[in-house]
Amino acid sequence: MKAHAKSFTDIARSSRFQTLIASKKRFLLPMSIFFFAFYFALPLLTSYTKILNASAFGPISLAWVFAFAQFIMTWVLCMVYSRKAAEYDLMIEEIRSENHLP
């Protein structure tokens, strides 16, 4: 006899699903706060201070170094999230198989 799939409400209340959601929140919230703080720091610092006007090396100012660092930060965060998403995918597959979902 084939087991029947549970309703979404039952699955959402399960401890495994709650663990998945809590894990995602613990990861995504700090990551998002860091991203937005780093992203908005450049326009705020260049608009309201002269901190980034200092020379980093030669004619290149700290503003240019900071702007380039934002590209690097974006790539790094994407790689970190991709690795973490693979863990979430495994957790989701366990929940799906446990609840007899396709």
PDB file of N, CA and C in Angstrom:
ATOM      1  N   MET A   1       0.838  -1.175   0.000  1.00  0.00           N
ATOM      2  CA  MET A   1       0.000   0.000   0.000  1.00  0.00           C
ATOM      3  C   MET A   1       0.889   1.246   0.000  1.00  0.00           C
ATOM      4  N   LYS A   2       0.576   2.159  -0.881  1.00  0.00           N
ATOM      5  CA  LYS A   2       1.364   3.388  -1.033  1.00  0.00           C
ATOM      6  C   LYS A   2       0.953   4.421   0.012  1.00  0.00           C
ATOM      7  N   ALA A   3       1.953   5.029   0.655  1.00  0.00           N
ATOM      8  CA  ALA A   3       1.671   6.067   1.658  1.00  0.00           C
ATOM      9  C   ALA A   3       1.220   7.337   0.960  1.00  0.00           C
ATOM     10  N   HIS A   4       0.349   8.057   1.614  1.00  0.00           N
ATOM     11  CA  HIS A   4      -0.159   9.305   1.046  1.00  0.00           C
ATOM     12  C   HIS A   4       0.706  10.486   1.471  1.00  0.00           C
ATOM     13  N   ALA A   5       0.796  11.469   0.579  1.00  0.00           N
ATOM     14  CA  ALA A   5       1.560  12.688   0.872  1.00  0.00           C
ATOM     15  C   ALA A   5       0.826  13.498   1.934  1.00  0.00           C
ATOM     16  N   LYS A   6       1.582  14.121   2.800  1.00  0.00           N
ATOM     17  CA  LYS A   6       1.003  14.980   3.828  1.00  0.00           C
ATOM     18  C   LYS A   6       0.630  16.329   3.228  1.00  0.00           C
ATOM     19  N   SER A   7      -0.209  17.051   3.932  1.00  0.00           N
ATOM     20  CA  SER A   7      -0.572  18.394   3.479  1.00  0.00           C
ATOM     21  C   SER A   7       0.591  19.344   3.755  1.00  0.00           C
ATOM     22  N   PHE A   8       0.577  20.470   3.076  1.00  0.00           N
ATOM     23  CA  PHE A   8       1.639  21.456   3.278  1.00  0.00           C
ATOM     24  C   PHE A   8       1.682  21.920   4.725  1.00  0.00           C
ATOM     25  N   THR A   9       0.527  22.099   5.336  1.00  0.00           N
ATOM     26  CA  THR A   9       0.469  22.557   6.723  1.00  0.00           C
ATOM     27  C   THR A   9       1.174  21.573   7.648  1.00  0.00           C
ATOM     28  N   ASP A  10       0.944  20.278   7.434  1.00  0.00           N
ATOM     29  CA  ASP A  10       1.609  19.258   8.250  1.00  0.00           C
ATOM     30  C   ASP A  10       3.123  19.299   8.054  1.00  0.00           C
ATOM     31  N   ILE A  11       3.529  19.450   6.815  1.00  0.00           N
ATOM     32  CA  ILE A  11       4.965  19.499   6.513  1.00  0.00           C
ATOM     33  C   ILE A  11       5.586  20.759   7.112  1.00  0.00           C
ATOM     34  N   ALA A  12       4.908  21.891   6.979  1.00  0.00           N
ATOM     35  CA  ALA A  12       5.432  23.159   7.499  1.00  0.00           C
ATOM     36  C   ALA A  12       5.568  23.135   9.015  1.00  0.00           C
ATOM     37  N   ARG A  13       4.767  22.352   9.682  1.00  0.00           N
ATOM     38  CA  ARG A  13       4.833  22.250  11.144  1.00  0.00           C
ATOM     39  C   ARG A  13       5.861  21.226  11.620  1.00  0.00           C
ATOM     40  N   SER A  14       6.387  20.439  10.712  1.00  0.00           N
ATOM     41  CA  SER A  14       7.328  19.384  11.103  1.00  0.00           C
ATOM     42  C   SER A  14       8.643  19.976  11.602  1.00  0.00           C
ATOM     43  N   SER A  15       9.314  19.225  12.444  1.00  0.00           N
ATOM     44  CA  SER A  15      10.573  19.719  13.017  1.00  0.00           C
ATOM     45  C   SER A  15      11.655  19.849  11.947  1.00  0.00           C
ATOM     46  N   ARG A  16      11.688  18.958  10.973  1.00  0.00           N
ATOM     47  CA  ARG A  16      12.695  19.047   9.897  1.00  0.00           C
ATOM     48  C   ARG A  16      12.516  20.318   9.074  1.00  0.00           C
ATOM     49  N   PHE A  17      11.268  20.630   8.745  1.00  0.00           N
ATOM     50  CA  PHE A  17      10.996  21.839   7.958  1.00  0.00           C
ATOM     51  C   PHE A  17      11.337  23.082   8.771  1.00  0.00           C
ATOM     52  N   GLN A  18      10.979  23.091  10.040  1.00  0.00           N
ATOM     53  CA  GLN A  18      11.290  24.222  10.915  1.00  0.00           C
ATOM     54  C   GLN A  18      12.806  24.392  11.052  1.00  0.00           C
ATOM     55  N   THR A  19      13.528  23.287  11.098  1.00  0.00           N
ATOM     56  CA  THR A  19      14.989  23.345  11.157  1.00  0.00           C
ATOM     57  C   THR A  19      15.550  23.949   9.876  1.00  0.00           C
ATOM     58  N   LEU A  20      15.011  23.556   8.738  1.00  0.00           N
ATOM     59  CA  LEU A  20      15.435  24.106   7.447  1.00  0.00           C
ATOM     60  C   LEU A  20      15.216  25.617   7.409  1.00  0.00           C
ATOM     61  N   ILE A  21      14.041  26.052   7.774  1.00  0.00           N
ATOM     62  CA  ILE A  21      13.716  27.484   7.741  1.00  0.00           C
ATOM     63  C   ILE A  21      14.608  28.263   8.705  1.00  0.00           C
ATOM     64  N   ALA A  22      14.809  27.735   9.906  1.00  0.00           N
ATOM     65  CA  ALA A  22      15.658  28.415  10.889  1.00  0.00           C
ATOM     66  C   ALA A  22      17.098  28.504  10.397  1.00  0.00           C
ATOM     67  N   SER A  23      17.577  27.442   9.775  1.00  0.00           N
ATOM     68  CA  SER A  23      18.942  27.430   9.240  1.00  0.00           C
ATOM     69  C   SER A  23      19.103  28.475   8.136  1.00  0.00           C
ATOM     70  N   LYS A  24      18.118  28.551   7.256  1.00  0.00           N
ATOM     71  CA  LYS A  24      18.176  29.542   6.181  1.00  0.00           C
ATOM     72  C   LYS A  24      18.164  30.968   6.734  1.00  0.00           C
ATOM     73  N   LYS A  25      17.340  31.211   7.742  1.00  0.00           N
ATOM     74  CA  LYS A  25      17.278  32.546   8.338  1.00  0.00           C
ATOM     75  C   LYS A  25      18.602  32.903   9.002  1.00  0.00           C
ATOM     76  N   ARG A  26      19.190  31.932   9.736  1.00  0.00           N
ATOM     77  CA  ARG A  26      20.467  32.200  10.411  1.00  0.00           C
ATOM     78  C   ARG A  26      21.577  32.504   9.413  1.00  0.00           C
ATOM     79  N   PHE A  27      21.482  31.957   8.226  1.00  0.00           N
ATOM     80  CA  PHE A  27      22.492  32.205   7.205  1.00  0.00           C
ATOM     81  C   PHE A  27      22.191  33.460   6.393  1.00  0.00           C
ATOM     82  N   LEU A  28      20.963  33.592   5.927  1.00  0.00           N
ATOM     83  CA  LEU A  28      20.621  34.665   4.990  1.00  0.00           C
ATOM     84  C   LEU A  28      20.533  36.046   5.617  1.00  0.00           C
ATOM     85  N   LEU A  29      20.058  36.145   6.834  1.00  0.00           N
ATOM     86  CA  LEU A  29      19.915  37.456   7.454  1.00  0.00           C
ATOM     87  C   LEU A  29      21.266  38.157   7.641  1.00  0.00           C
ATOM     88  N   PRO A  30      22.248  37.518   8.286  1.00  0.00           N
ATOM     89  CA  PRO A  30      23.550  38.192   8.411  1.00  0.00           C
ATOM     90  C   PRO A  30      24.215  38.445   7.058  1.00  0.00           C
ATOM     91  N   MET A  31      24.068  37.492   6.123  1.00  0.00           N
ATOM     92  CA  MET A  31      24.651  37.649   4.798  1.00  0.00           C
ATOM     93  C   MET A  31      24.043  38.855   4.085  1.00  0.00           C
ATOM     94  N   SER A  32      22.734  39.014   4.179  1.00  0.00           N
ATOM     95  CA  SER A  32      22.052  40.138   3.536  1.00  0.00           C
ATOM     96  C   SER A  32      22.435  41.469   4.180  1.00  0.00           C
ATOM     97  N   ILE A  33      22.499  41.487   5.508  1.00  0.00           N
ATOM     98  CA  ILE A  33      22.889  42.719   6.204  1.00  0.00           C
ATOM     99  C   ILE A  33      24.304  43.128   5.801  1.00  0.00           C
ATOM    100  N   PHE A  34      25.219  42.151   5.768  1.00  0.00           N
ATOM    101  CA  PHE A  34      26.595  42.454   5.350  1.00  0.00           C
ATOM    102  C   PHE A  34      26.619  42.996   3.924  1.00  0.00           C
ATOM    103  N   PHE A  35      25.898  42.331   3.014  1.00  0.00           N
ATOM    104  CA  PHE A  35      25.888  42.751   1.615  1.00  0.00           C
ATOM    105  C   PHE A  35      25.404  44.198   1.483  1.00  0.00           C
ATOM    106  N   PHE A  36      24.258  44.516   2.092  1.00  0.00           N
ATOM    107  CA  PHE A  36      23.714  45.867   1.959  1.00  0.00           C
ATOM    108  C   PHE A  36      24.606  46.915   2.628  1.00  0.00           C
ATOM    109  N   ALA A  37      25.179  46.577   3.781  1.00  0.00           N
ATOM    110  CA  ALA A  37      26.078  47.522   4.453  1.00  0.00           C
ATOM    111  C   ALA A  37      27.303  47.796   3.585  1.00  0.00           C
ATOM    112  N   PHE A  38      27.897  46.751   3.026  1.00  0.00           N
ATOM    113  CA  PHE A  38      29.079  46.911   2.182  1.00  0.00           C
ATOM    114  C   PHE A  38      28.729  47.671   0.907  1.00  0.00           C
ATOM    115  N   TYR A  39      27.577  47.334   0.324  1.00  0.00           N
ATOM    116  CA  TYR A  39      27.146  47.961  -0.928  1.00  0.00           C
ATOM    117  C   TYR A  39      26.884  49.456  -0.750  1.00  0.00           C
ATOM    118  N   PHE A  40      26.148  49.828   0.300  1.00  0.00           N
ATOM    119  CA  PHE A  40      25.795  51.228   0.499  1.00  0.00           C
ATOM    120  C   PHE A  40      26.901  52.053   1.149  1.00  0.00           C
ATOM    121  N   ALA A  41      27.921  51.393   1.663  1.00  0.00           N
ATOM    122  CA  ALA A  41      29.035  52.127   2.272  1.00  0.00           C
ATOM    123  C   ALA A  41      29.750  53.001   1.233  1.00  0.00           C
ATOM    124  N   LEU A  42      29.942  52.504   0.030  1.00  0.00           N
ATOM    125  CA  LEU A  42      30.661  53.267  -0.997  1.00  0.00           C
ATOM    126  C   LEU A  42      29.961  54.587  -1.333  1.00  0.00           C
ATOM    127  N   PRO A  43      28.702  54.576  -1.732  1.00  0.00           N
ATOM    128  CA  PRO A  43      28.074  55.870  -2.052  1.00  0.00           C
ATOM    129  C   PRO A  43      27.954  56.788  -0.832  1.00  0.00           C
ATOM    130  N   LEU A  44      27.722  56.212   0.332  1.00  0.00           N
ATOM    131  CA  LEU A  44      27.614  57.050   1.528  1.00  0.00           C
ATOM    132  C   LEU A  44      28.963  57.669   1.898  1.00  0.00           C
ATOM    133  N   LEU A  45      30.019  56.870   1.863  1.00  0.00           N
ATOM    134  CA  LEU A  45      31.342  57.392   2.209  1.00  0.00           C
ATOM    135  C   LEU A  45      31.845  58.414   1.189  1.00  0.00           C
ATOM    136  N   THR A  46      31.580  58.168  -0.083  1.00  0.00           N
ATOM    137  CA  THR A  46      32.049  59.121  -1.098  1.00  0.00           C
ATOM    138  C   THR A  46      31.207  60.397  -1.106  1.00  0.00           C
ATOM    139  N   SER A  47      29.955  60.301  -0.706  1.00  0.00           N
ATOM    140  CA  SER A  47      29.089  61.485  -0.709  1.00  0.00           C
ATOM    141  C   SER A  47      29.277  62.371   0.506  1.00  0.00           C
ATOM    142  N   TYR A  48      29.511  61.772   1.651  1.00  0.00           N
ATOM    143  CA  TYR A  48      29.493  62.546   2.895  1.00  0.00           C
ATOM    144  C   TYR A  48      30.828  62.633   3.624  1.00  0.00           C
ATOM    145  N   THR A  49      31.854  61.947   3.135  1.00  0.00           N
ATOM    146  CA  THR A  49      33.169  62.033   3.777  1.00  0.00           C
ATOM    147  C   THR A  49      34.253  62.139   2.711  1.00  0.00           C
ATOM    148  N   LYS A  50      35.450  62.351   3.157  1.00  0.00           N
ATOM    149  CA  LYS A  50      36.592  62.398   2.248  1.00  0.00           C
ATOM    150  C   LYS A  50      37.550  61.229   2.521  1.00  0.00           C
ATOM    151  N   ILE A  51      37.087  60.263   3.298  1.00  0.00           N
ATOM    152  CA  ILE A  51      37.918  59.123   3.692  1.00  0.00           C
ATOM    153  C   ILE A  51      38.472  58.372   2.479  1.00  0.00           C
ATOM    154  N   LEU A  52      37.633  58.128   1.490  1.00  0.00           N
ATOM    155  CA  LEU A  52      38.046  57.327   0.339  1.00  0.00           C
ATOM    156  C   LEU A  52      38.796  58.131  -0.715  1.00  0.00           C
ATOM    157  N   ASN A  53      39.030  59.419  -0.485  1.00  0.00           N
ATOM    158  CA  ASN A  53      39.795  60.233  -1.431  1.00  0.00           C
ATOM    159  C   ASN A  53      41.296  59.992  -1.312  1.00  0.00           C
ATOM    160  N   ALA A  54      41.713  59.374  -0.230  1.00  0.00           N
ATOM    161  CA  ALA A  54      43.148  59.123  -0.018  1.00  0.00           C
ATOM    162  C   ALA A  54      43.675  58.181  -1.094  1.00  0.00           C
ATOM    163  N   SER A  55      44.925  58.334  -1.398  1.00  0.00           N
ATOM    164  CA  SER A  55      45.563  57.507  -2.420  1.00  0.00           C
ATOM    165  C   SER A  55      45.848  56.110  -1.865  1.00  0.00           C
ATOM    166  N   ALA A  56      45.439  55.109  -2.597  1.00  0.00           N
ATOM    167  CA  ALA A  56      45.740  53.725  -2.213  1.00  0.00           C
ATOM    168  C   ALA A  56      47.129  53.367  -2.718  1.00  0.00           C
ATOM    169  N   PHE A  57      47.360  53.620  -4.004  1.00  0.00           N
ATOM    170  CA  PHE A  57      48.687  53.470  -4.615  1.00  0.00           C
ATOM    171  C   PHE A  57      48.681  54.251  -5.915  1.00  0.00           C
ATOM    172  N   GLY A  58      49.679  55.079  -6.067  1.00  0.00           N
ATOM    173  CA  GLY A  58      49.772  55.939  -7.251  1.00  0.00           C
ATOM    174  C   GLY A  58      48.554  56.835  -7.358  1.00  0.00           C
ATOM    175  N   PRO A  59      48.017  56.979  -8.567  1.00  0.00           N
ATOM    176  CA  PRO A  59      46.861  57.859  -8.760  1.00  0.00           C
ATOM    177  C   PRO A  59      45.519  57.197  -8.404  1.00  0.00           C
ATOM    178  N   ILE A  60      45.565  55.973  -7.937  1.00  0.00           N
ATOM    179  CA  ILE A  60      44.327  55.238  -7.640  1.00  0.00           C
ATOM    180  C   ILE A  60      43.910  55.494  -6.192  1.00  0.00           C
ATOM    181  N   SER A  61      42.703  56.011  -6.035  1.00  0.00           N
ATOM    182  CA  SER A  61      42.206  56.340  -4.692  1.00  0.00           C
ATOM    183  C   SER A  61      41.570  55.107  -4.042  1.00  0.00           C
ATOM    184  N   LEU A  62      41.322  55.223  -2.738  1.00  0.00           N
ATOM    185  CA  LEU A  62      40.664  54.147  -1.998  1.00  0.00           C
ATOM    186  C   LEU A  62      39.246  53.901  -2.515  1.00  0.00           C
ATOM    187  N   ALA A  63      38.623  54.921  -3.080  1.00  0.00           N
ATOM    188  CA  ALA A  63      37.274  54.751  -3.632  1.00  0.00           C
ATOM    189  C   ALA A  63      37.278  53.717  -4.753  1.00  0.00           C
ATOM    190  N   TRP A  64      38.287  53.765  -5.615  1.00  0.00           N
ATOM    191  CA  TRP A  64      38.379  52.789  -6.704  1.00  0.00           C
ATOM    192  C   TRP A  64      38.660  51.391  -6.173  1.00  0.00           C
ATOM    193  N   VAL A  65      39.493  51.300  -5.160  1.00  0.00           N
ATOM    194  CA  VAL A  65      39.791  50.002  -4.546  1.00  0.00           C
ATOM    195  C   VAL A  65      38.523  49.429  -3.901  1.00  0.00           C
ATOM    196  N   PHE A  66      37.786  50.291  -3.195  1.00  0.00           N
ATOM    197  CA  PHE A  66      36.538  49.866  -2.557  1.00  0.00           C
ATOM    198  C   PHE A  66      35.528  49.408  -3.610  1.00  0.00           C
ATOM    199  N   ALA A  67      35.422  50.153  -4.705  1.00  0.00           N
ATOM    200  CA  ALA A  67      34.484  49.794  -5.779  1.00  0.00           C
ATOM    201  C   ALA A  67      34.852  48.442  -6.383  1.00  0.00           C
ATOM    202  N   PHE A  68      36.137  48.201  -6.604  1.00  0.00           N
ATOM    203  CA  PHE A  68      36.572  46.910  -7.139  1.00  0.00           C
ATOM    204  C   PHE A  68      36.296  45.803  -6.124  1.00  0.00           C
ATOM    205  N   ALA A  69      36.476  46.096  -4.850  1.00  0.00           N
ATOM    206  CA  ALA A  69      36.225  45.108  -3.804  1.00  0.00           C
ATOM    207  C   ALA A  69      34.759  44.676  -3.783  1.00  0.00           C
ATOM    208  N   GLN A  70      33.873  45.554  -4.222  1.00  0.00           N
ATOM    209  CA  GLN A  70      32.459  45.175  -4.273  1.00  0.00           C
ATOM    210  C   GLN A  70      32.207  44.076  -5.295  1.00  0.00           C
ATOM    211  N   PHE A  71      32.921  44.088  -6.400  1.00  0.00           N
ATOM    212  CA  PHE A  71      32.795  43.006  -7.375  1.00  0.00           C
ATOM    213  C   PHE A  71      33.271  41.692  -6.768  1.00  0.00           C
ATOM    214  N   ILE A  72      34.399  41.755  -6.093  1.00  0.00           N
ATOM    215  CA  ILE A  72      34.946  40.556  -5.454  1.00  0.00           C
ATOM    216  C   ILE A  72      33.982  40.048  -4.384  1.00  0.00           C
ATOM    217  N   MET A  73      33.458  40.968  -3.573  1.00  0.00           N
ATOM    218  CA  MET A  73      32.515  40.593  -2.523  1.00  0.00           C
ATOM    219  C   MET A  73      31.288  39.901  -3.110  1.00  0.00           C
ATOM    220  N   THR A  74      30.779  40.404  -4.209  1.00  0.00           N
ATOM    221  CA  THR A  74      29.606  39.807  -4.842  1.00  0.00           C
ATOM    222  C   THR A  74      29.898  38.385  -5.300  1.00  0.00           C
ATOM    223  N   TRP A  75      31.032  38.175  -5.938  1.00  0.00           N
ATOM    224  CA  TRP A  75      31.401  36.835  -6.389  1.00  0.00           C
ATOM    225  C   TRP A  75      31.592  35.882  -5.214  1.00  0.00           C
ATOM    226  N   VAL A  76      32.242  36.346  -4.173  1.00  0.00           N
ATOM    227  CA  VAL A  76      32.473  35.500  -3.000  1.00  0.00           C
ATOM    228  C   VAL A  76      31.146  35.122  -2.346  1.00  0.00           C
ATOM    229  N   LEU A  77      30.258  36.091  -2.165  1.00  0.00           N
ATOM    230  CA  LEU A  77      28.964  35.786  -1.570  1.00  0.00           C
ATOM    231  C   LEU A  77      28.159  34.821  -2.435  1.00  0.00           C
ATOM    232  N   CYS A  78      28.256  34.953  -3.730  1.00  0.00           N
ATOM    233  CA  CYS A  78      27.565  34.018  -4.632  1.00  0.00           C
ATOM    234  C   CYS A  78      28.112  32.600  -4.479  1.00  0.00           C
ATOM    235  N   MET A  79      29.422  32.472  -4.375  1.00  0.00           N
ATOM    236  CA  MET A  79      30.022  31.144  -4.202  1.00  0.00           C
ATOM    237  C   MET A  79      29.646  30.544  -2.853  1.00  0.00           C
ATOM    238  N   VAL A  80      29.674  31.360  -1.809  1.00  0.00           N
ATOM    239  CA  VAL A  80      29.315  30.871  -0.474  1.00  0.00           C
ATOM    240  C   VAL A  80      27.856  30.436  -0.460  1.00  0.00           C
ATOM    241  N   TYR A  81      26.981  31.247  -1.049  1.00  0.00           N
ATOM    242  CA  TYR A  81      25.567  30.883  -1.073  1.00  0.00           C
ATOM    243  C   TYR A  81      25.332  29.617  -1.907  1.00  0.00           C
ATOM    244  N   SER A  82      26.020  29.465  -3.005  1.00  0.00           N
ATOM    245  CA  SER A  82      25.846  28.270  -3.833  1.00  0.00           C
ATOM    246  C   SER A  82      26.198  27.003  -3.057  1.00  0.00           C
ATOM    247  N   ARG A  83      27.266  27.079  -2.285  1.00  0.00           N
ATOM    248  CA  ARG A  83      27.647  25.914  -1.468  1.00  0.00           C
ATOM    249  C   ARG A  83      26.613  25.652  -0.384  1.00  0.00           C
ATOM    250  N   LYS A  84      26.146  26.707   0.247  1.00  0.00           N
ATOM    251  CA  LYS A  84      25.149  26.556   1.309  1.00  0.00           C
ATOM    252  C   LYS A  84      23.825  26.066   0.736  1.00  0.00           C
ATOM    253  N   ALA A  85      23.473  26.520  -0.458  1.00  0.00           N
ATOM    254  CA  ALA A  85      22.228  26.098  -1.096  1.00  0.00           C
ATOM    255  C   ALA A  85      22.237  24.601  -1.373  1.00  0.00           C
ATOM    256  N   ALA A  86      23.394  24.042  -1.652  1.00  0.00           N
ATOM    257  CA  ALA A  86      23.492  22.596  -1.869  1.00  0.00           C
ATOM    258  C   ALA A  86      23.105  21.846  -0.591  1.00  0.00           C
ATOM    259  N   GLU A  87      23.489  22.374   0.567  1.00  0.00           N
ATOM    260  CA  GLU A  87      23.086  21.769   1.838  1.00  0.00           C
ATOM    261  C   GLU A  87      21.573  21.863   2.019  1.00  0.00           C
ATOM    262  N   TYR A  88      21.015  23.018   1.673  1.00  0.00           N
ATOM    263  CA  TYR A  88      19.565  23.186   1.787  1.00  0.00           C
ATOM    264  C   TYR A  88      18.838  22.236   0.845  1.00  0.00           C
ATOM    265  N   ASP A  89      19.374  22.041  -0.350  1.00  0.00           N
ATOM    266  CA  ASP A  89      18.763  21.118  -1.303  1.00  0.00           C
ATOM    267  C   ASP A  89      18.710  19.703  -0.744  1.00  0.00           C
ATOM    268  N   LEU A  90      19.762  19.286  -0.056  1.00  0.00           N
ATOM    269  CA  LEU A  90      19.770  17.959   0.566  1.00  0.00           C
ATOM    270  C   LEU A  90      18.702  17.858   1.650  1.00  0.00           C
ATOM    271  N   MET A  91      18.582  18.906   2.451  1.00  0.00           N
ATOM    272  CA  MET A  91      17.558  18.922   3.497  1.00  0.00           C
ATOM    273  C   MET A  91      16.156  18.856   2.880  1.00  0.00           C
ATOM    274  N   ILE A  92      15.965  19.575   1.790  1.00  0.00           N
ATOM    275  CA  ILE A  92      14.667  19.581   1.112  1.00  0.00           C
ATOM    276  C   ILE A  92      14.347  18.207   0.545  1.00  0.00           C
ATOM    277  N   GLU A  93      15.336  17.552  -0.048  1.00  0.00           N
ATOM    278  CA  GLU A  93      15.119  16.203  -0.591  1.00  0.00           C
ATOM    279  C   GLU A  93      14.750  15.220   0.513  1.00  0.00           C
ATOM    280  N   GLU A  94      15.373  15.356   1.672  1.00  0.00           N
ATOM    281  CA  GLU A  94      15.032  14.484   2.808  1.00  0.00           C
ATOM    282  C   GLU A  94      13.585  14.713   3.238  1.00  0.00           C
ATOM    283  N   ILE A  95      13.184  15.976   3.286  1.00  0.00           N
ATOM    284  CA  ILE A  95      11.796  16.296   3.673  1.00  0.00           C
ATOM    285  C   ILE A  95      10.828  15.741   2.628  1.00  0.00           C
ATOM    286  N   ARG A  96      11.176  15.904   1.367  1.00  0.00           N
ATOM    287  CA  ARG A  96      10.291  15.414   0.295  1.00  0.00           C
ATOM    288  C   ARG A  96      10.147  13.895   0.360  1.00  0.00           C
ATOM    289  N   SER A  97      11.240  13.179   0.491  1.00  0.00           N
ATOM    290  CA  SER A  97      11.152  11.716   0.520  1.00  0.00           C
ATOM    291  C   SER A  97      10.464  11.229   1.778  1.00  0.00           C
ATOM    292  N   GLU A  98      10.714  11.900   2.892  1.00  0.00           N
ATOM    293  CA  GLU A  98      10.067  11.534   4.172  1.00  0.00           C
ATOM    294  C   GLU A  98       8.560  11.710   4.100  1.00  0.00           C
ATOM    295  N   ASN A  99       8.099  12.665   3.307  1.00  0.00           N
ATOM    296  CA  ASN A  99       6.675  12.959   3.202  1.00  0.00           C
ATOM    297  C   ASN A  99       6.044  12.437   1.926  1.00  0.00           C
ATOM    298  N   HIS A 100       6.779  11.585   1.221  1.00  0.00           N
ATOM    299  CA  HIS A 100       6.283  10.918   0.005  1.00  0.00           C
ATOM    300  C   HIS A 100       5.826  11.907  -1.057  1.00  0.00           C
ATOM    301  N   LEU A 101       6.643  12.943  -1.269  1.00  0.00           N
ATOM    302  CA  LEU A 101       6.350  13.943  -2.297  1.00  0.00           C
ATOM    303  C   LEU A 101       7.156  13.617  -3.550  1.00  0.00           C
ATOM    304  N   PRO A 102       6.621  13.949  -4.708  1.00  0.00           N
ATOM    305  CA  PRO A 102       7.353  13.666  -5.963  1.00  0.00           C
ATOM    306  C   PRO A 102       8.595  14.513  -6.115  1.00  0.00           C
TER     307      PRO A 102
END
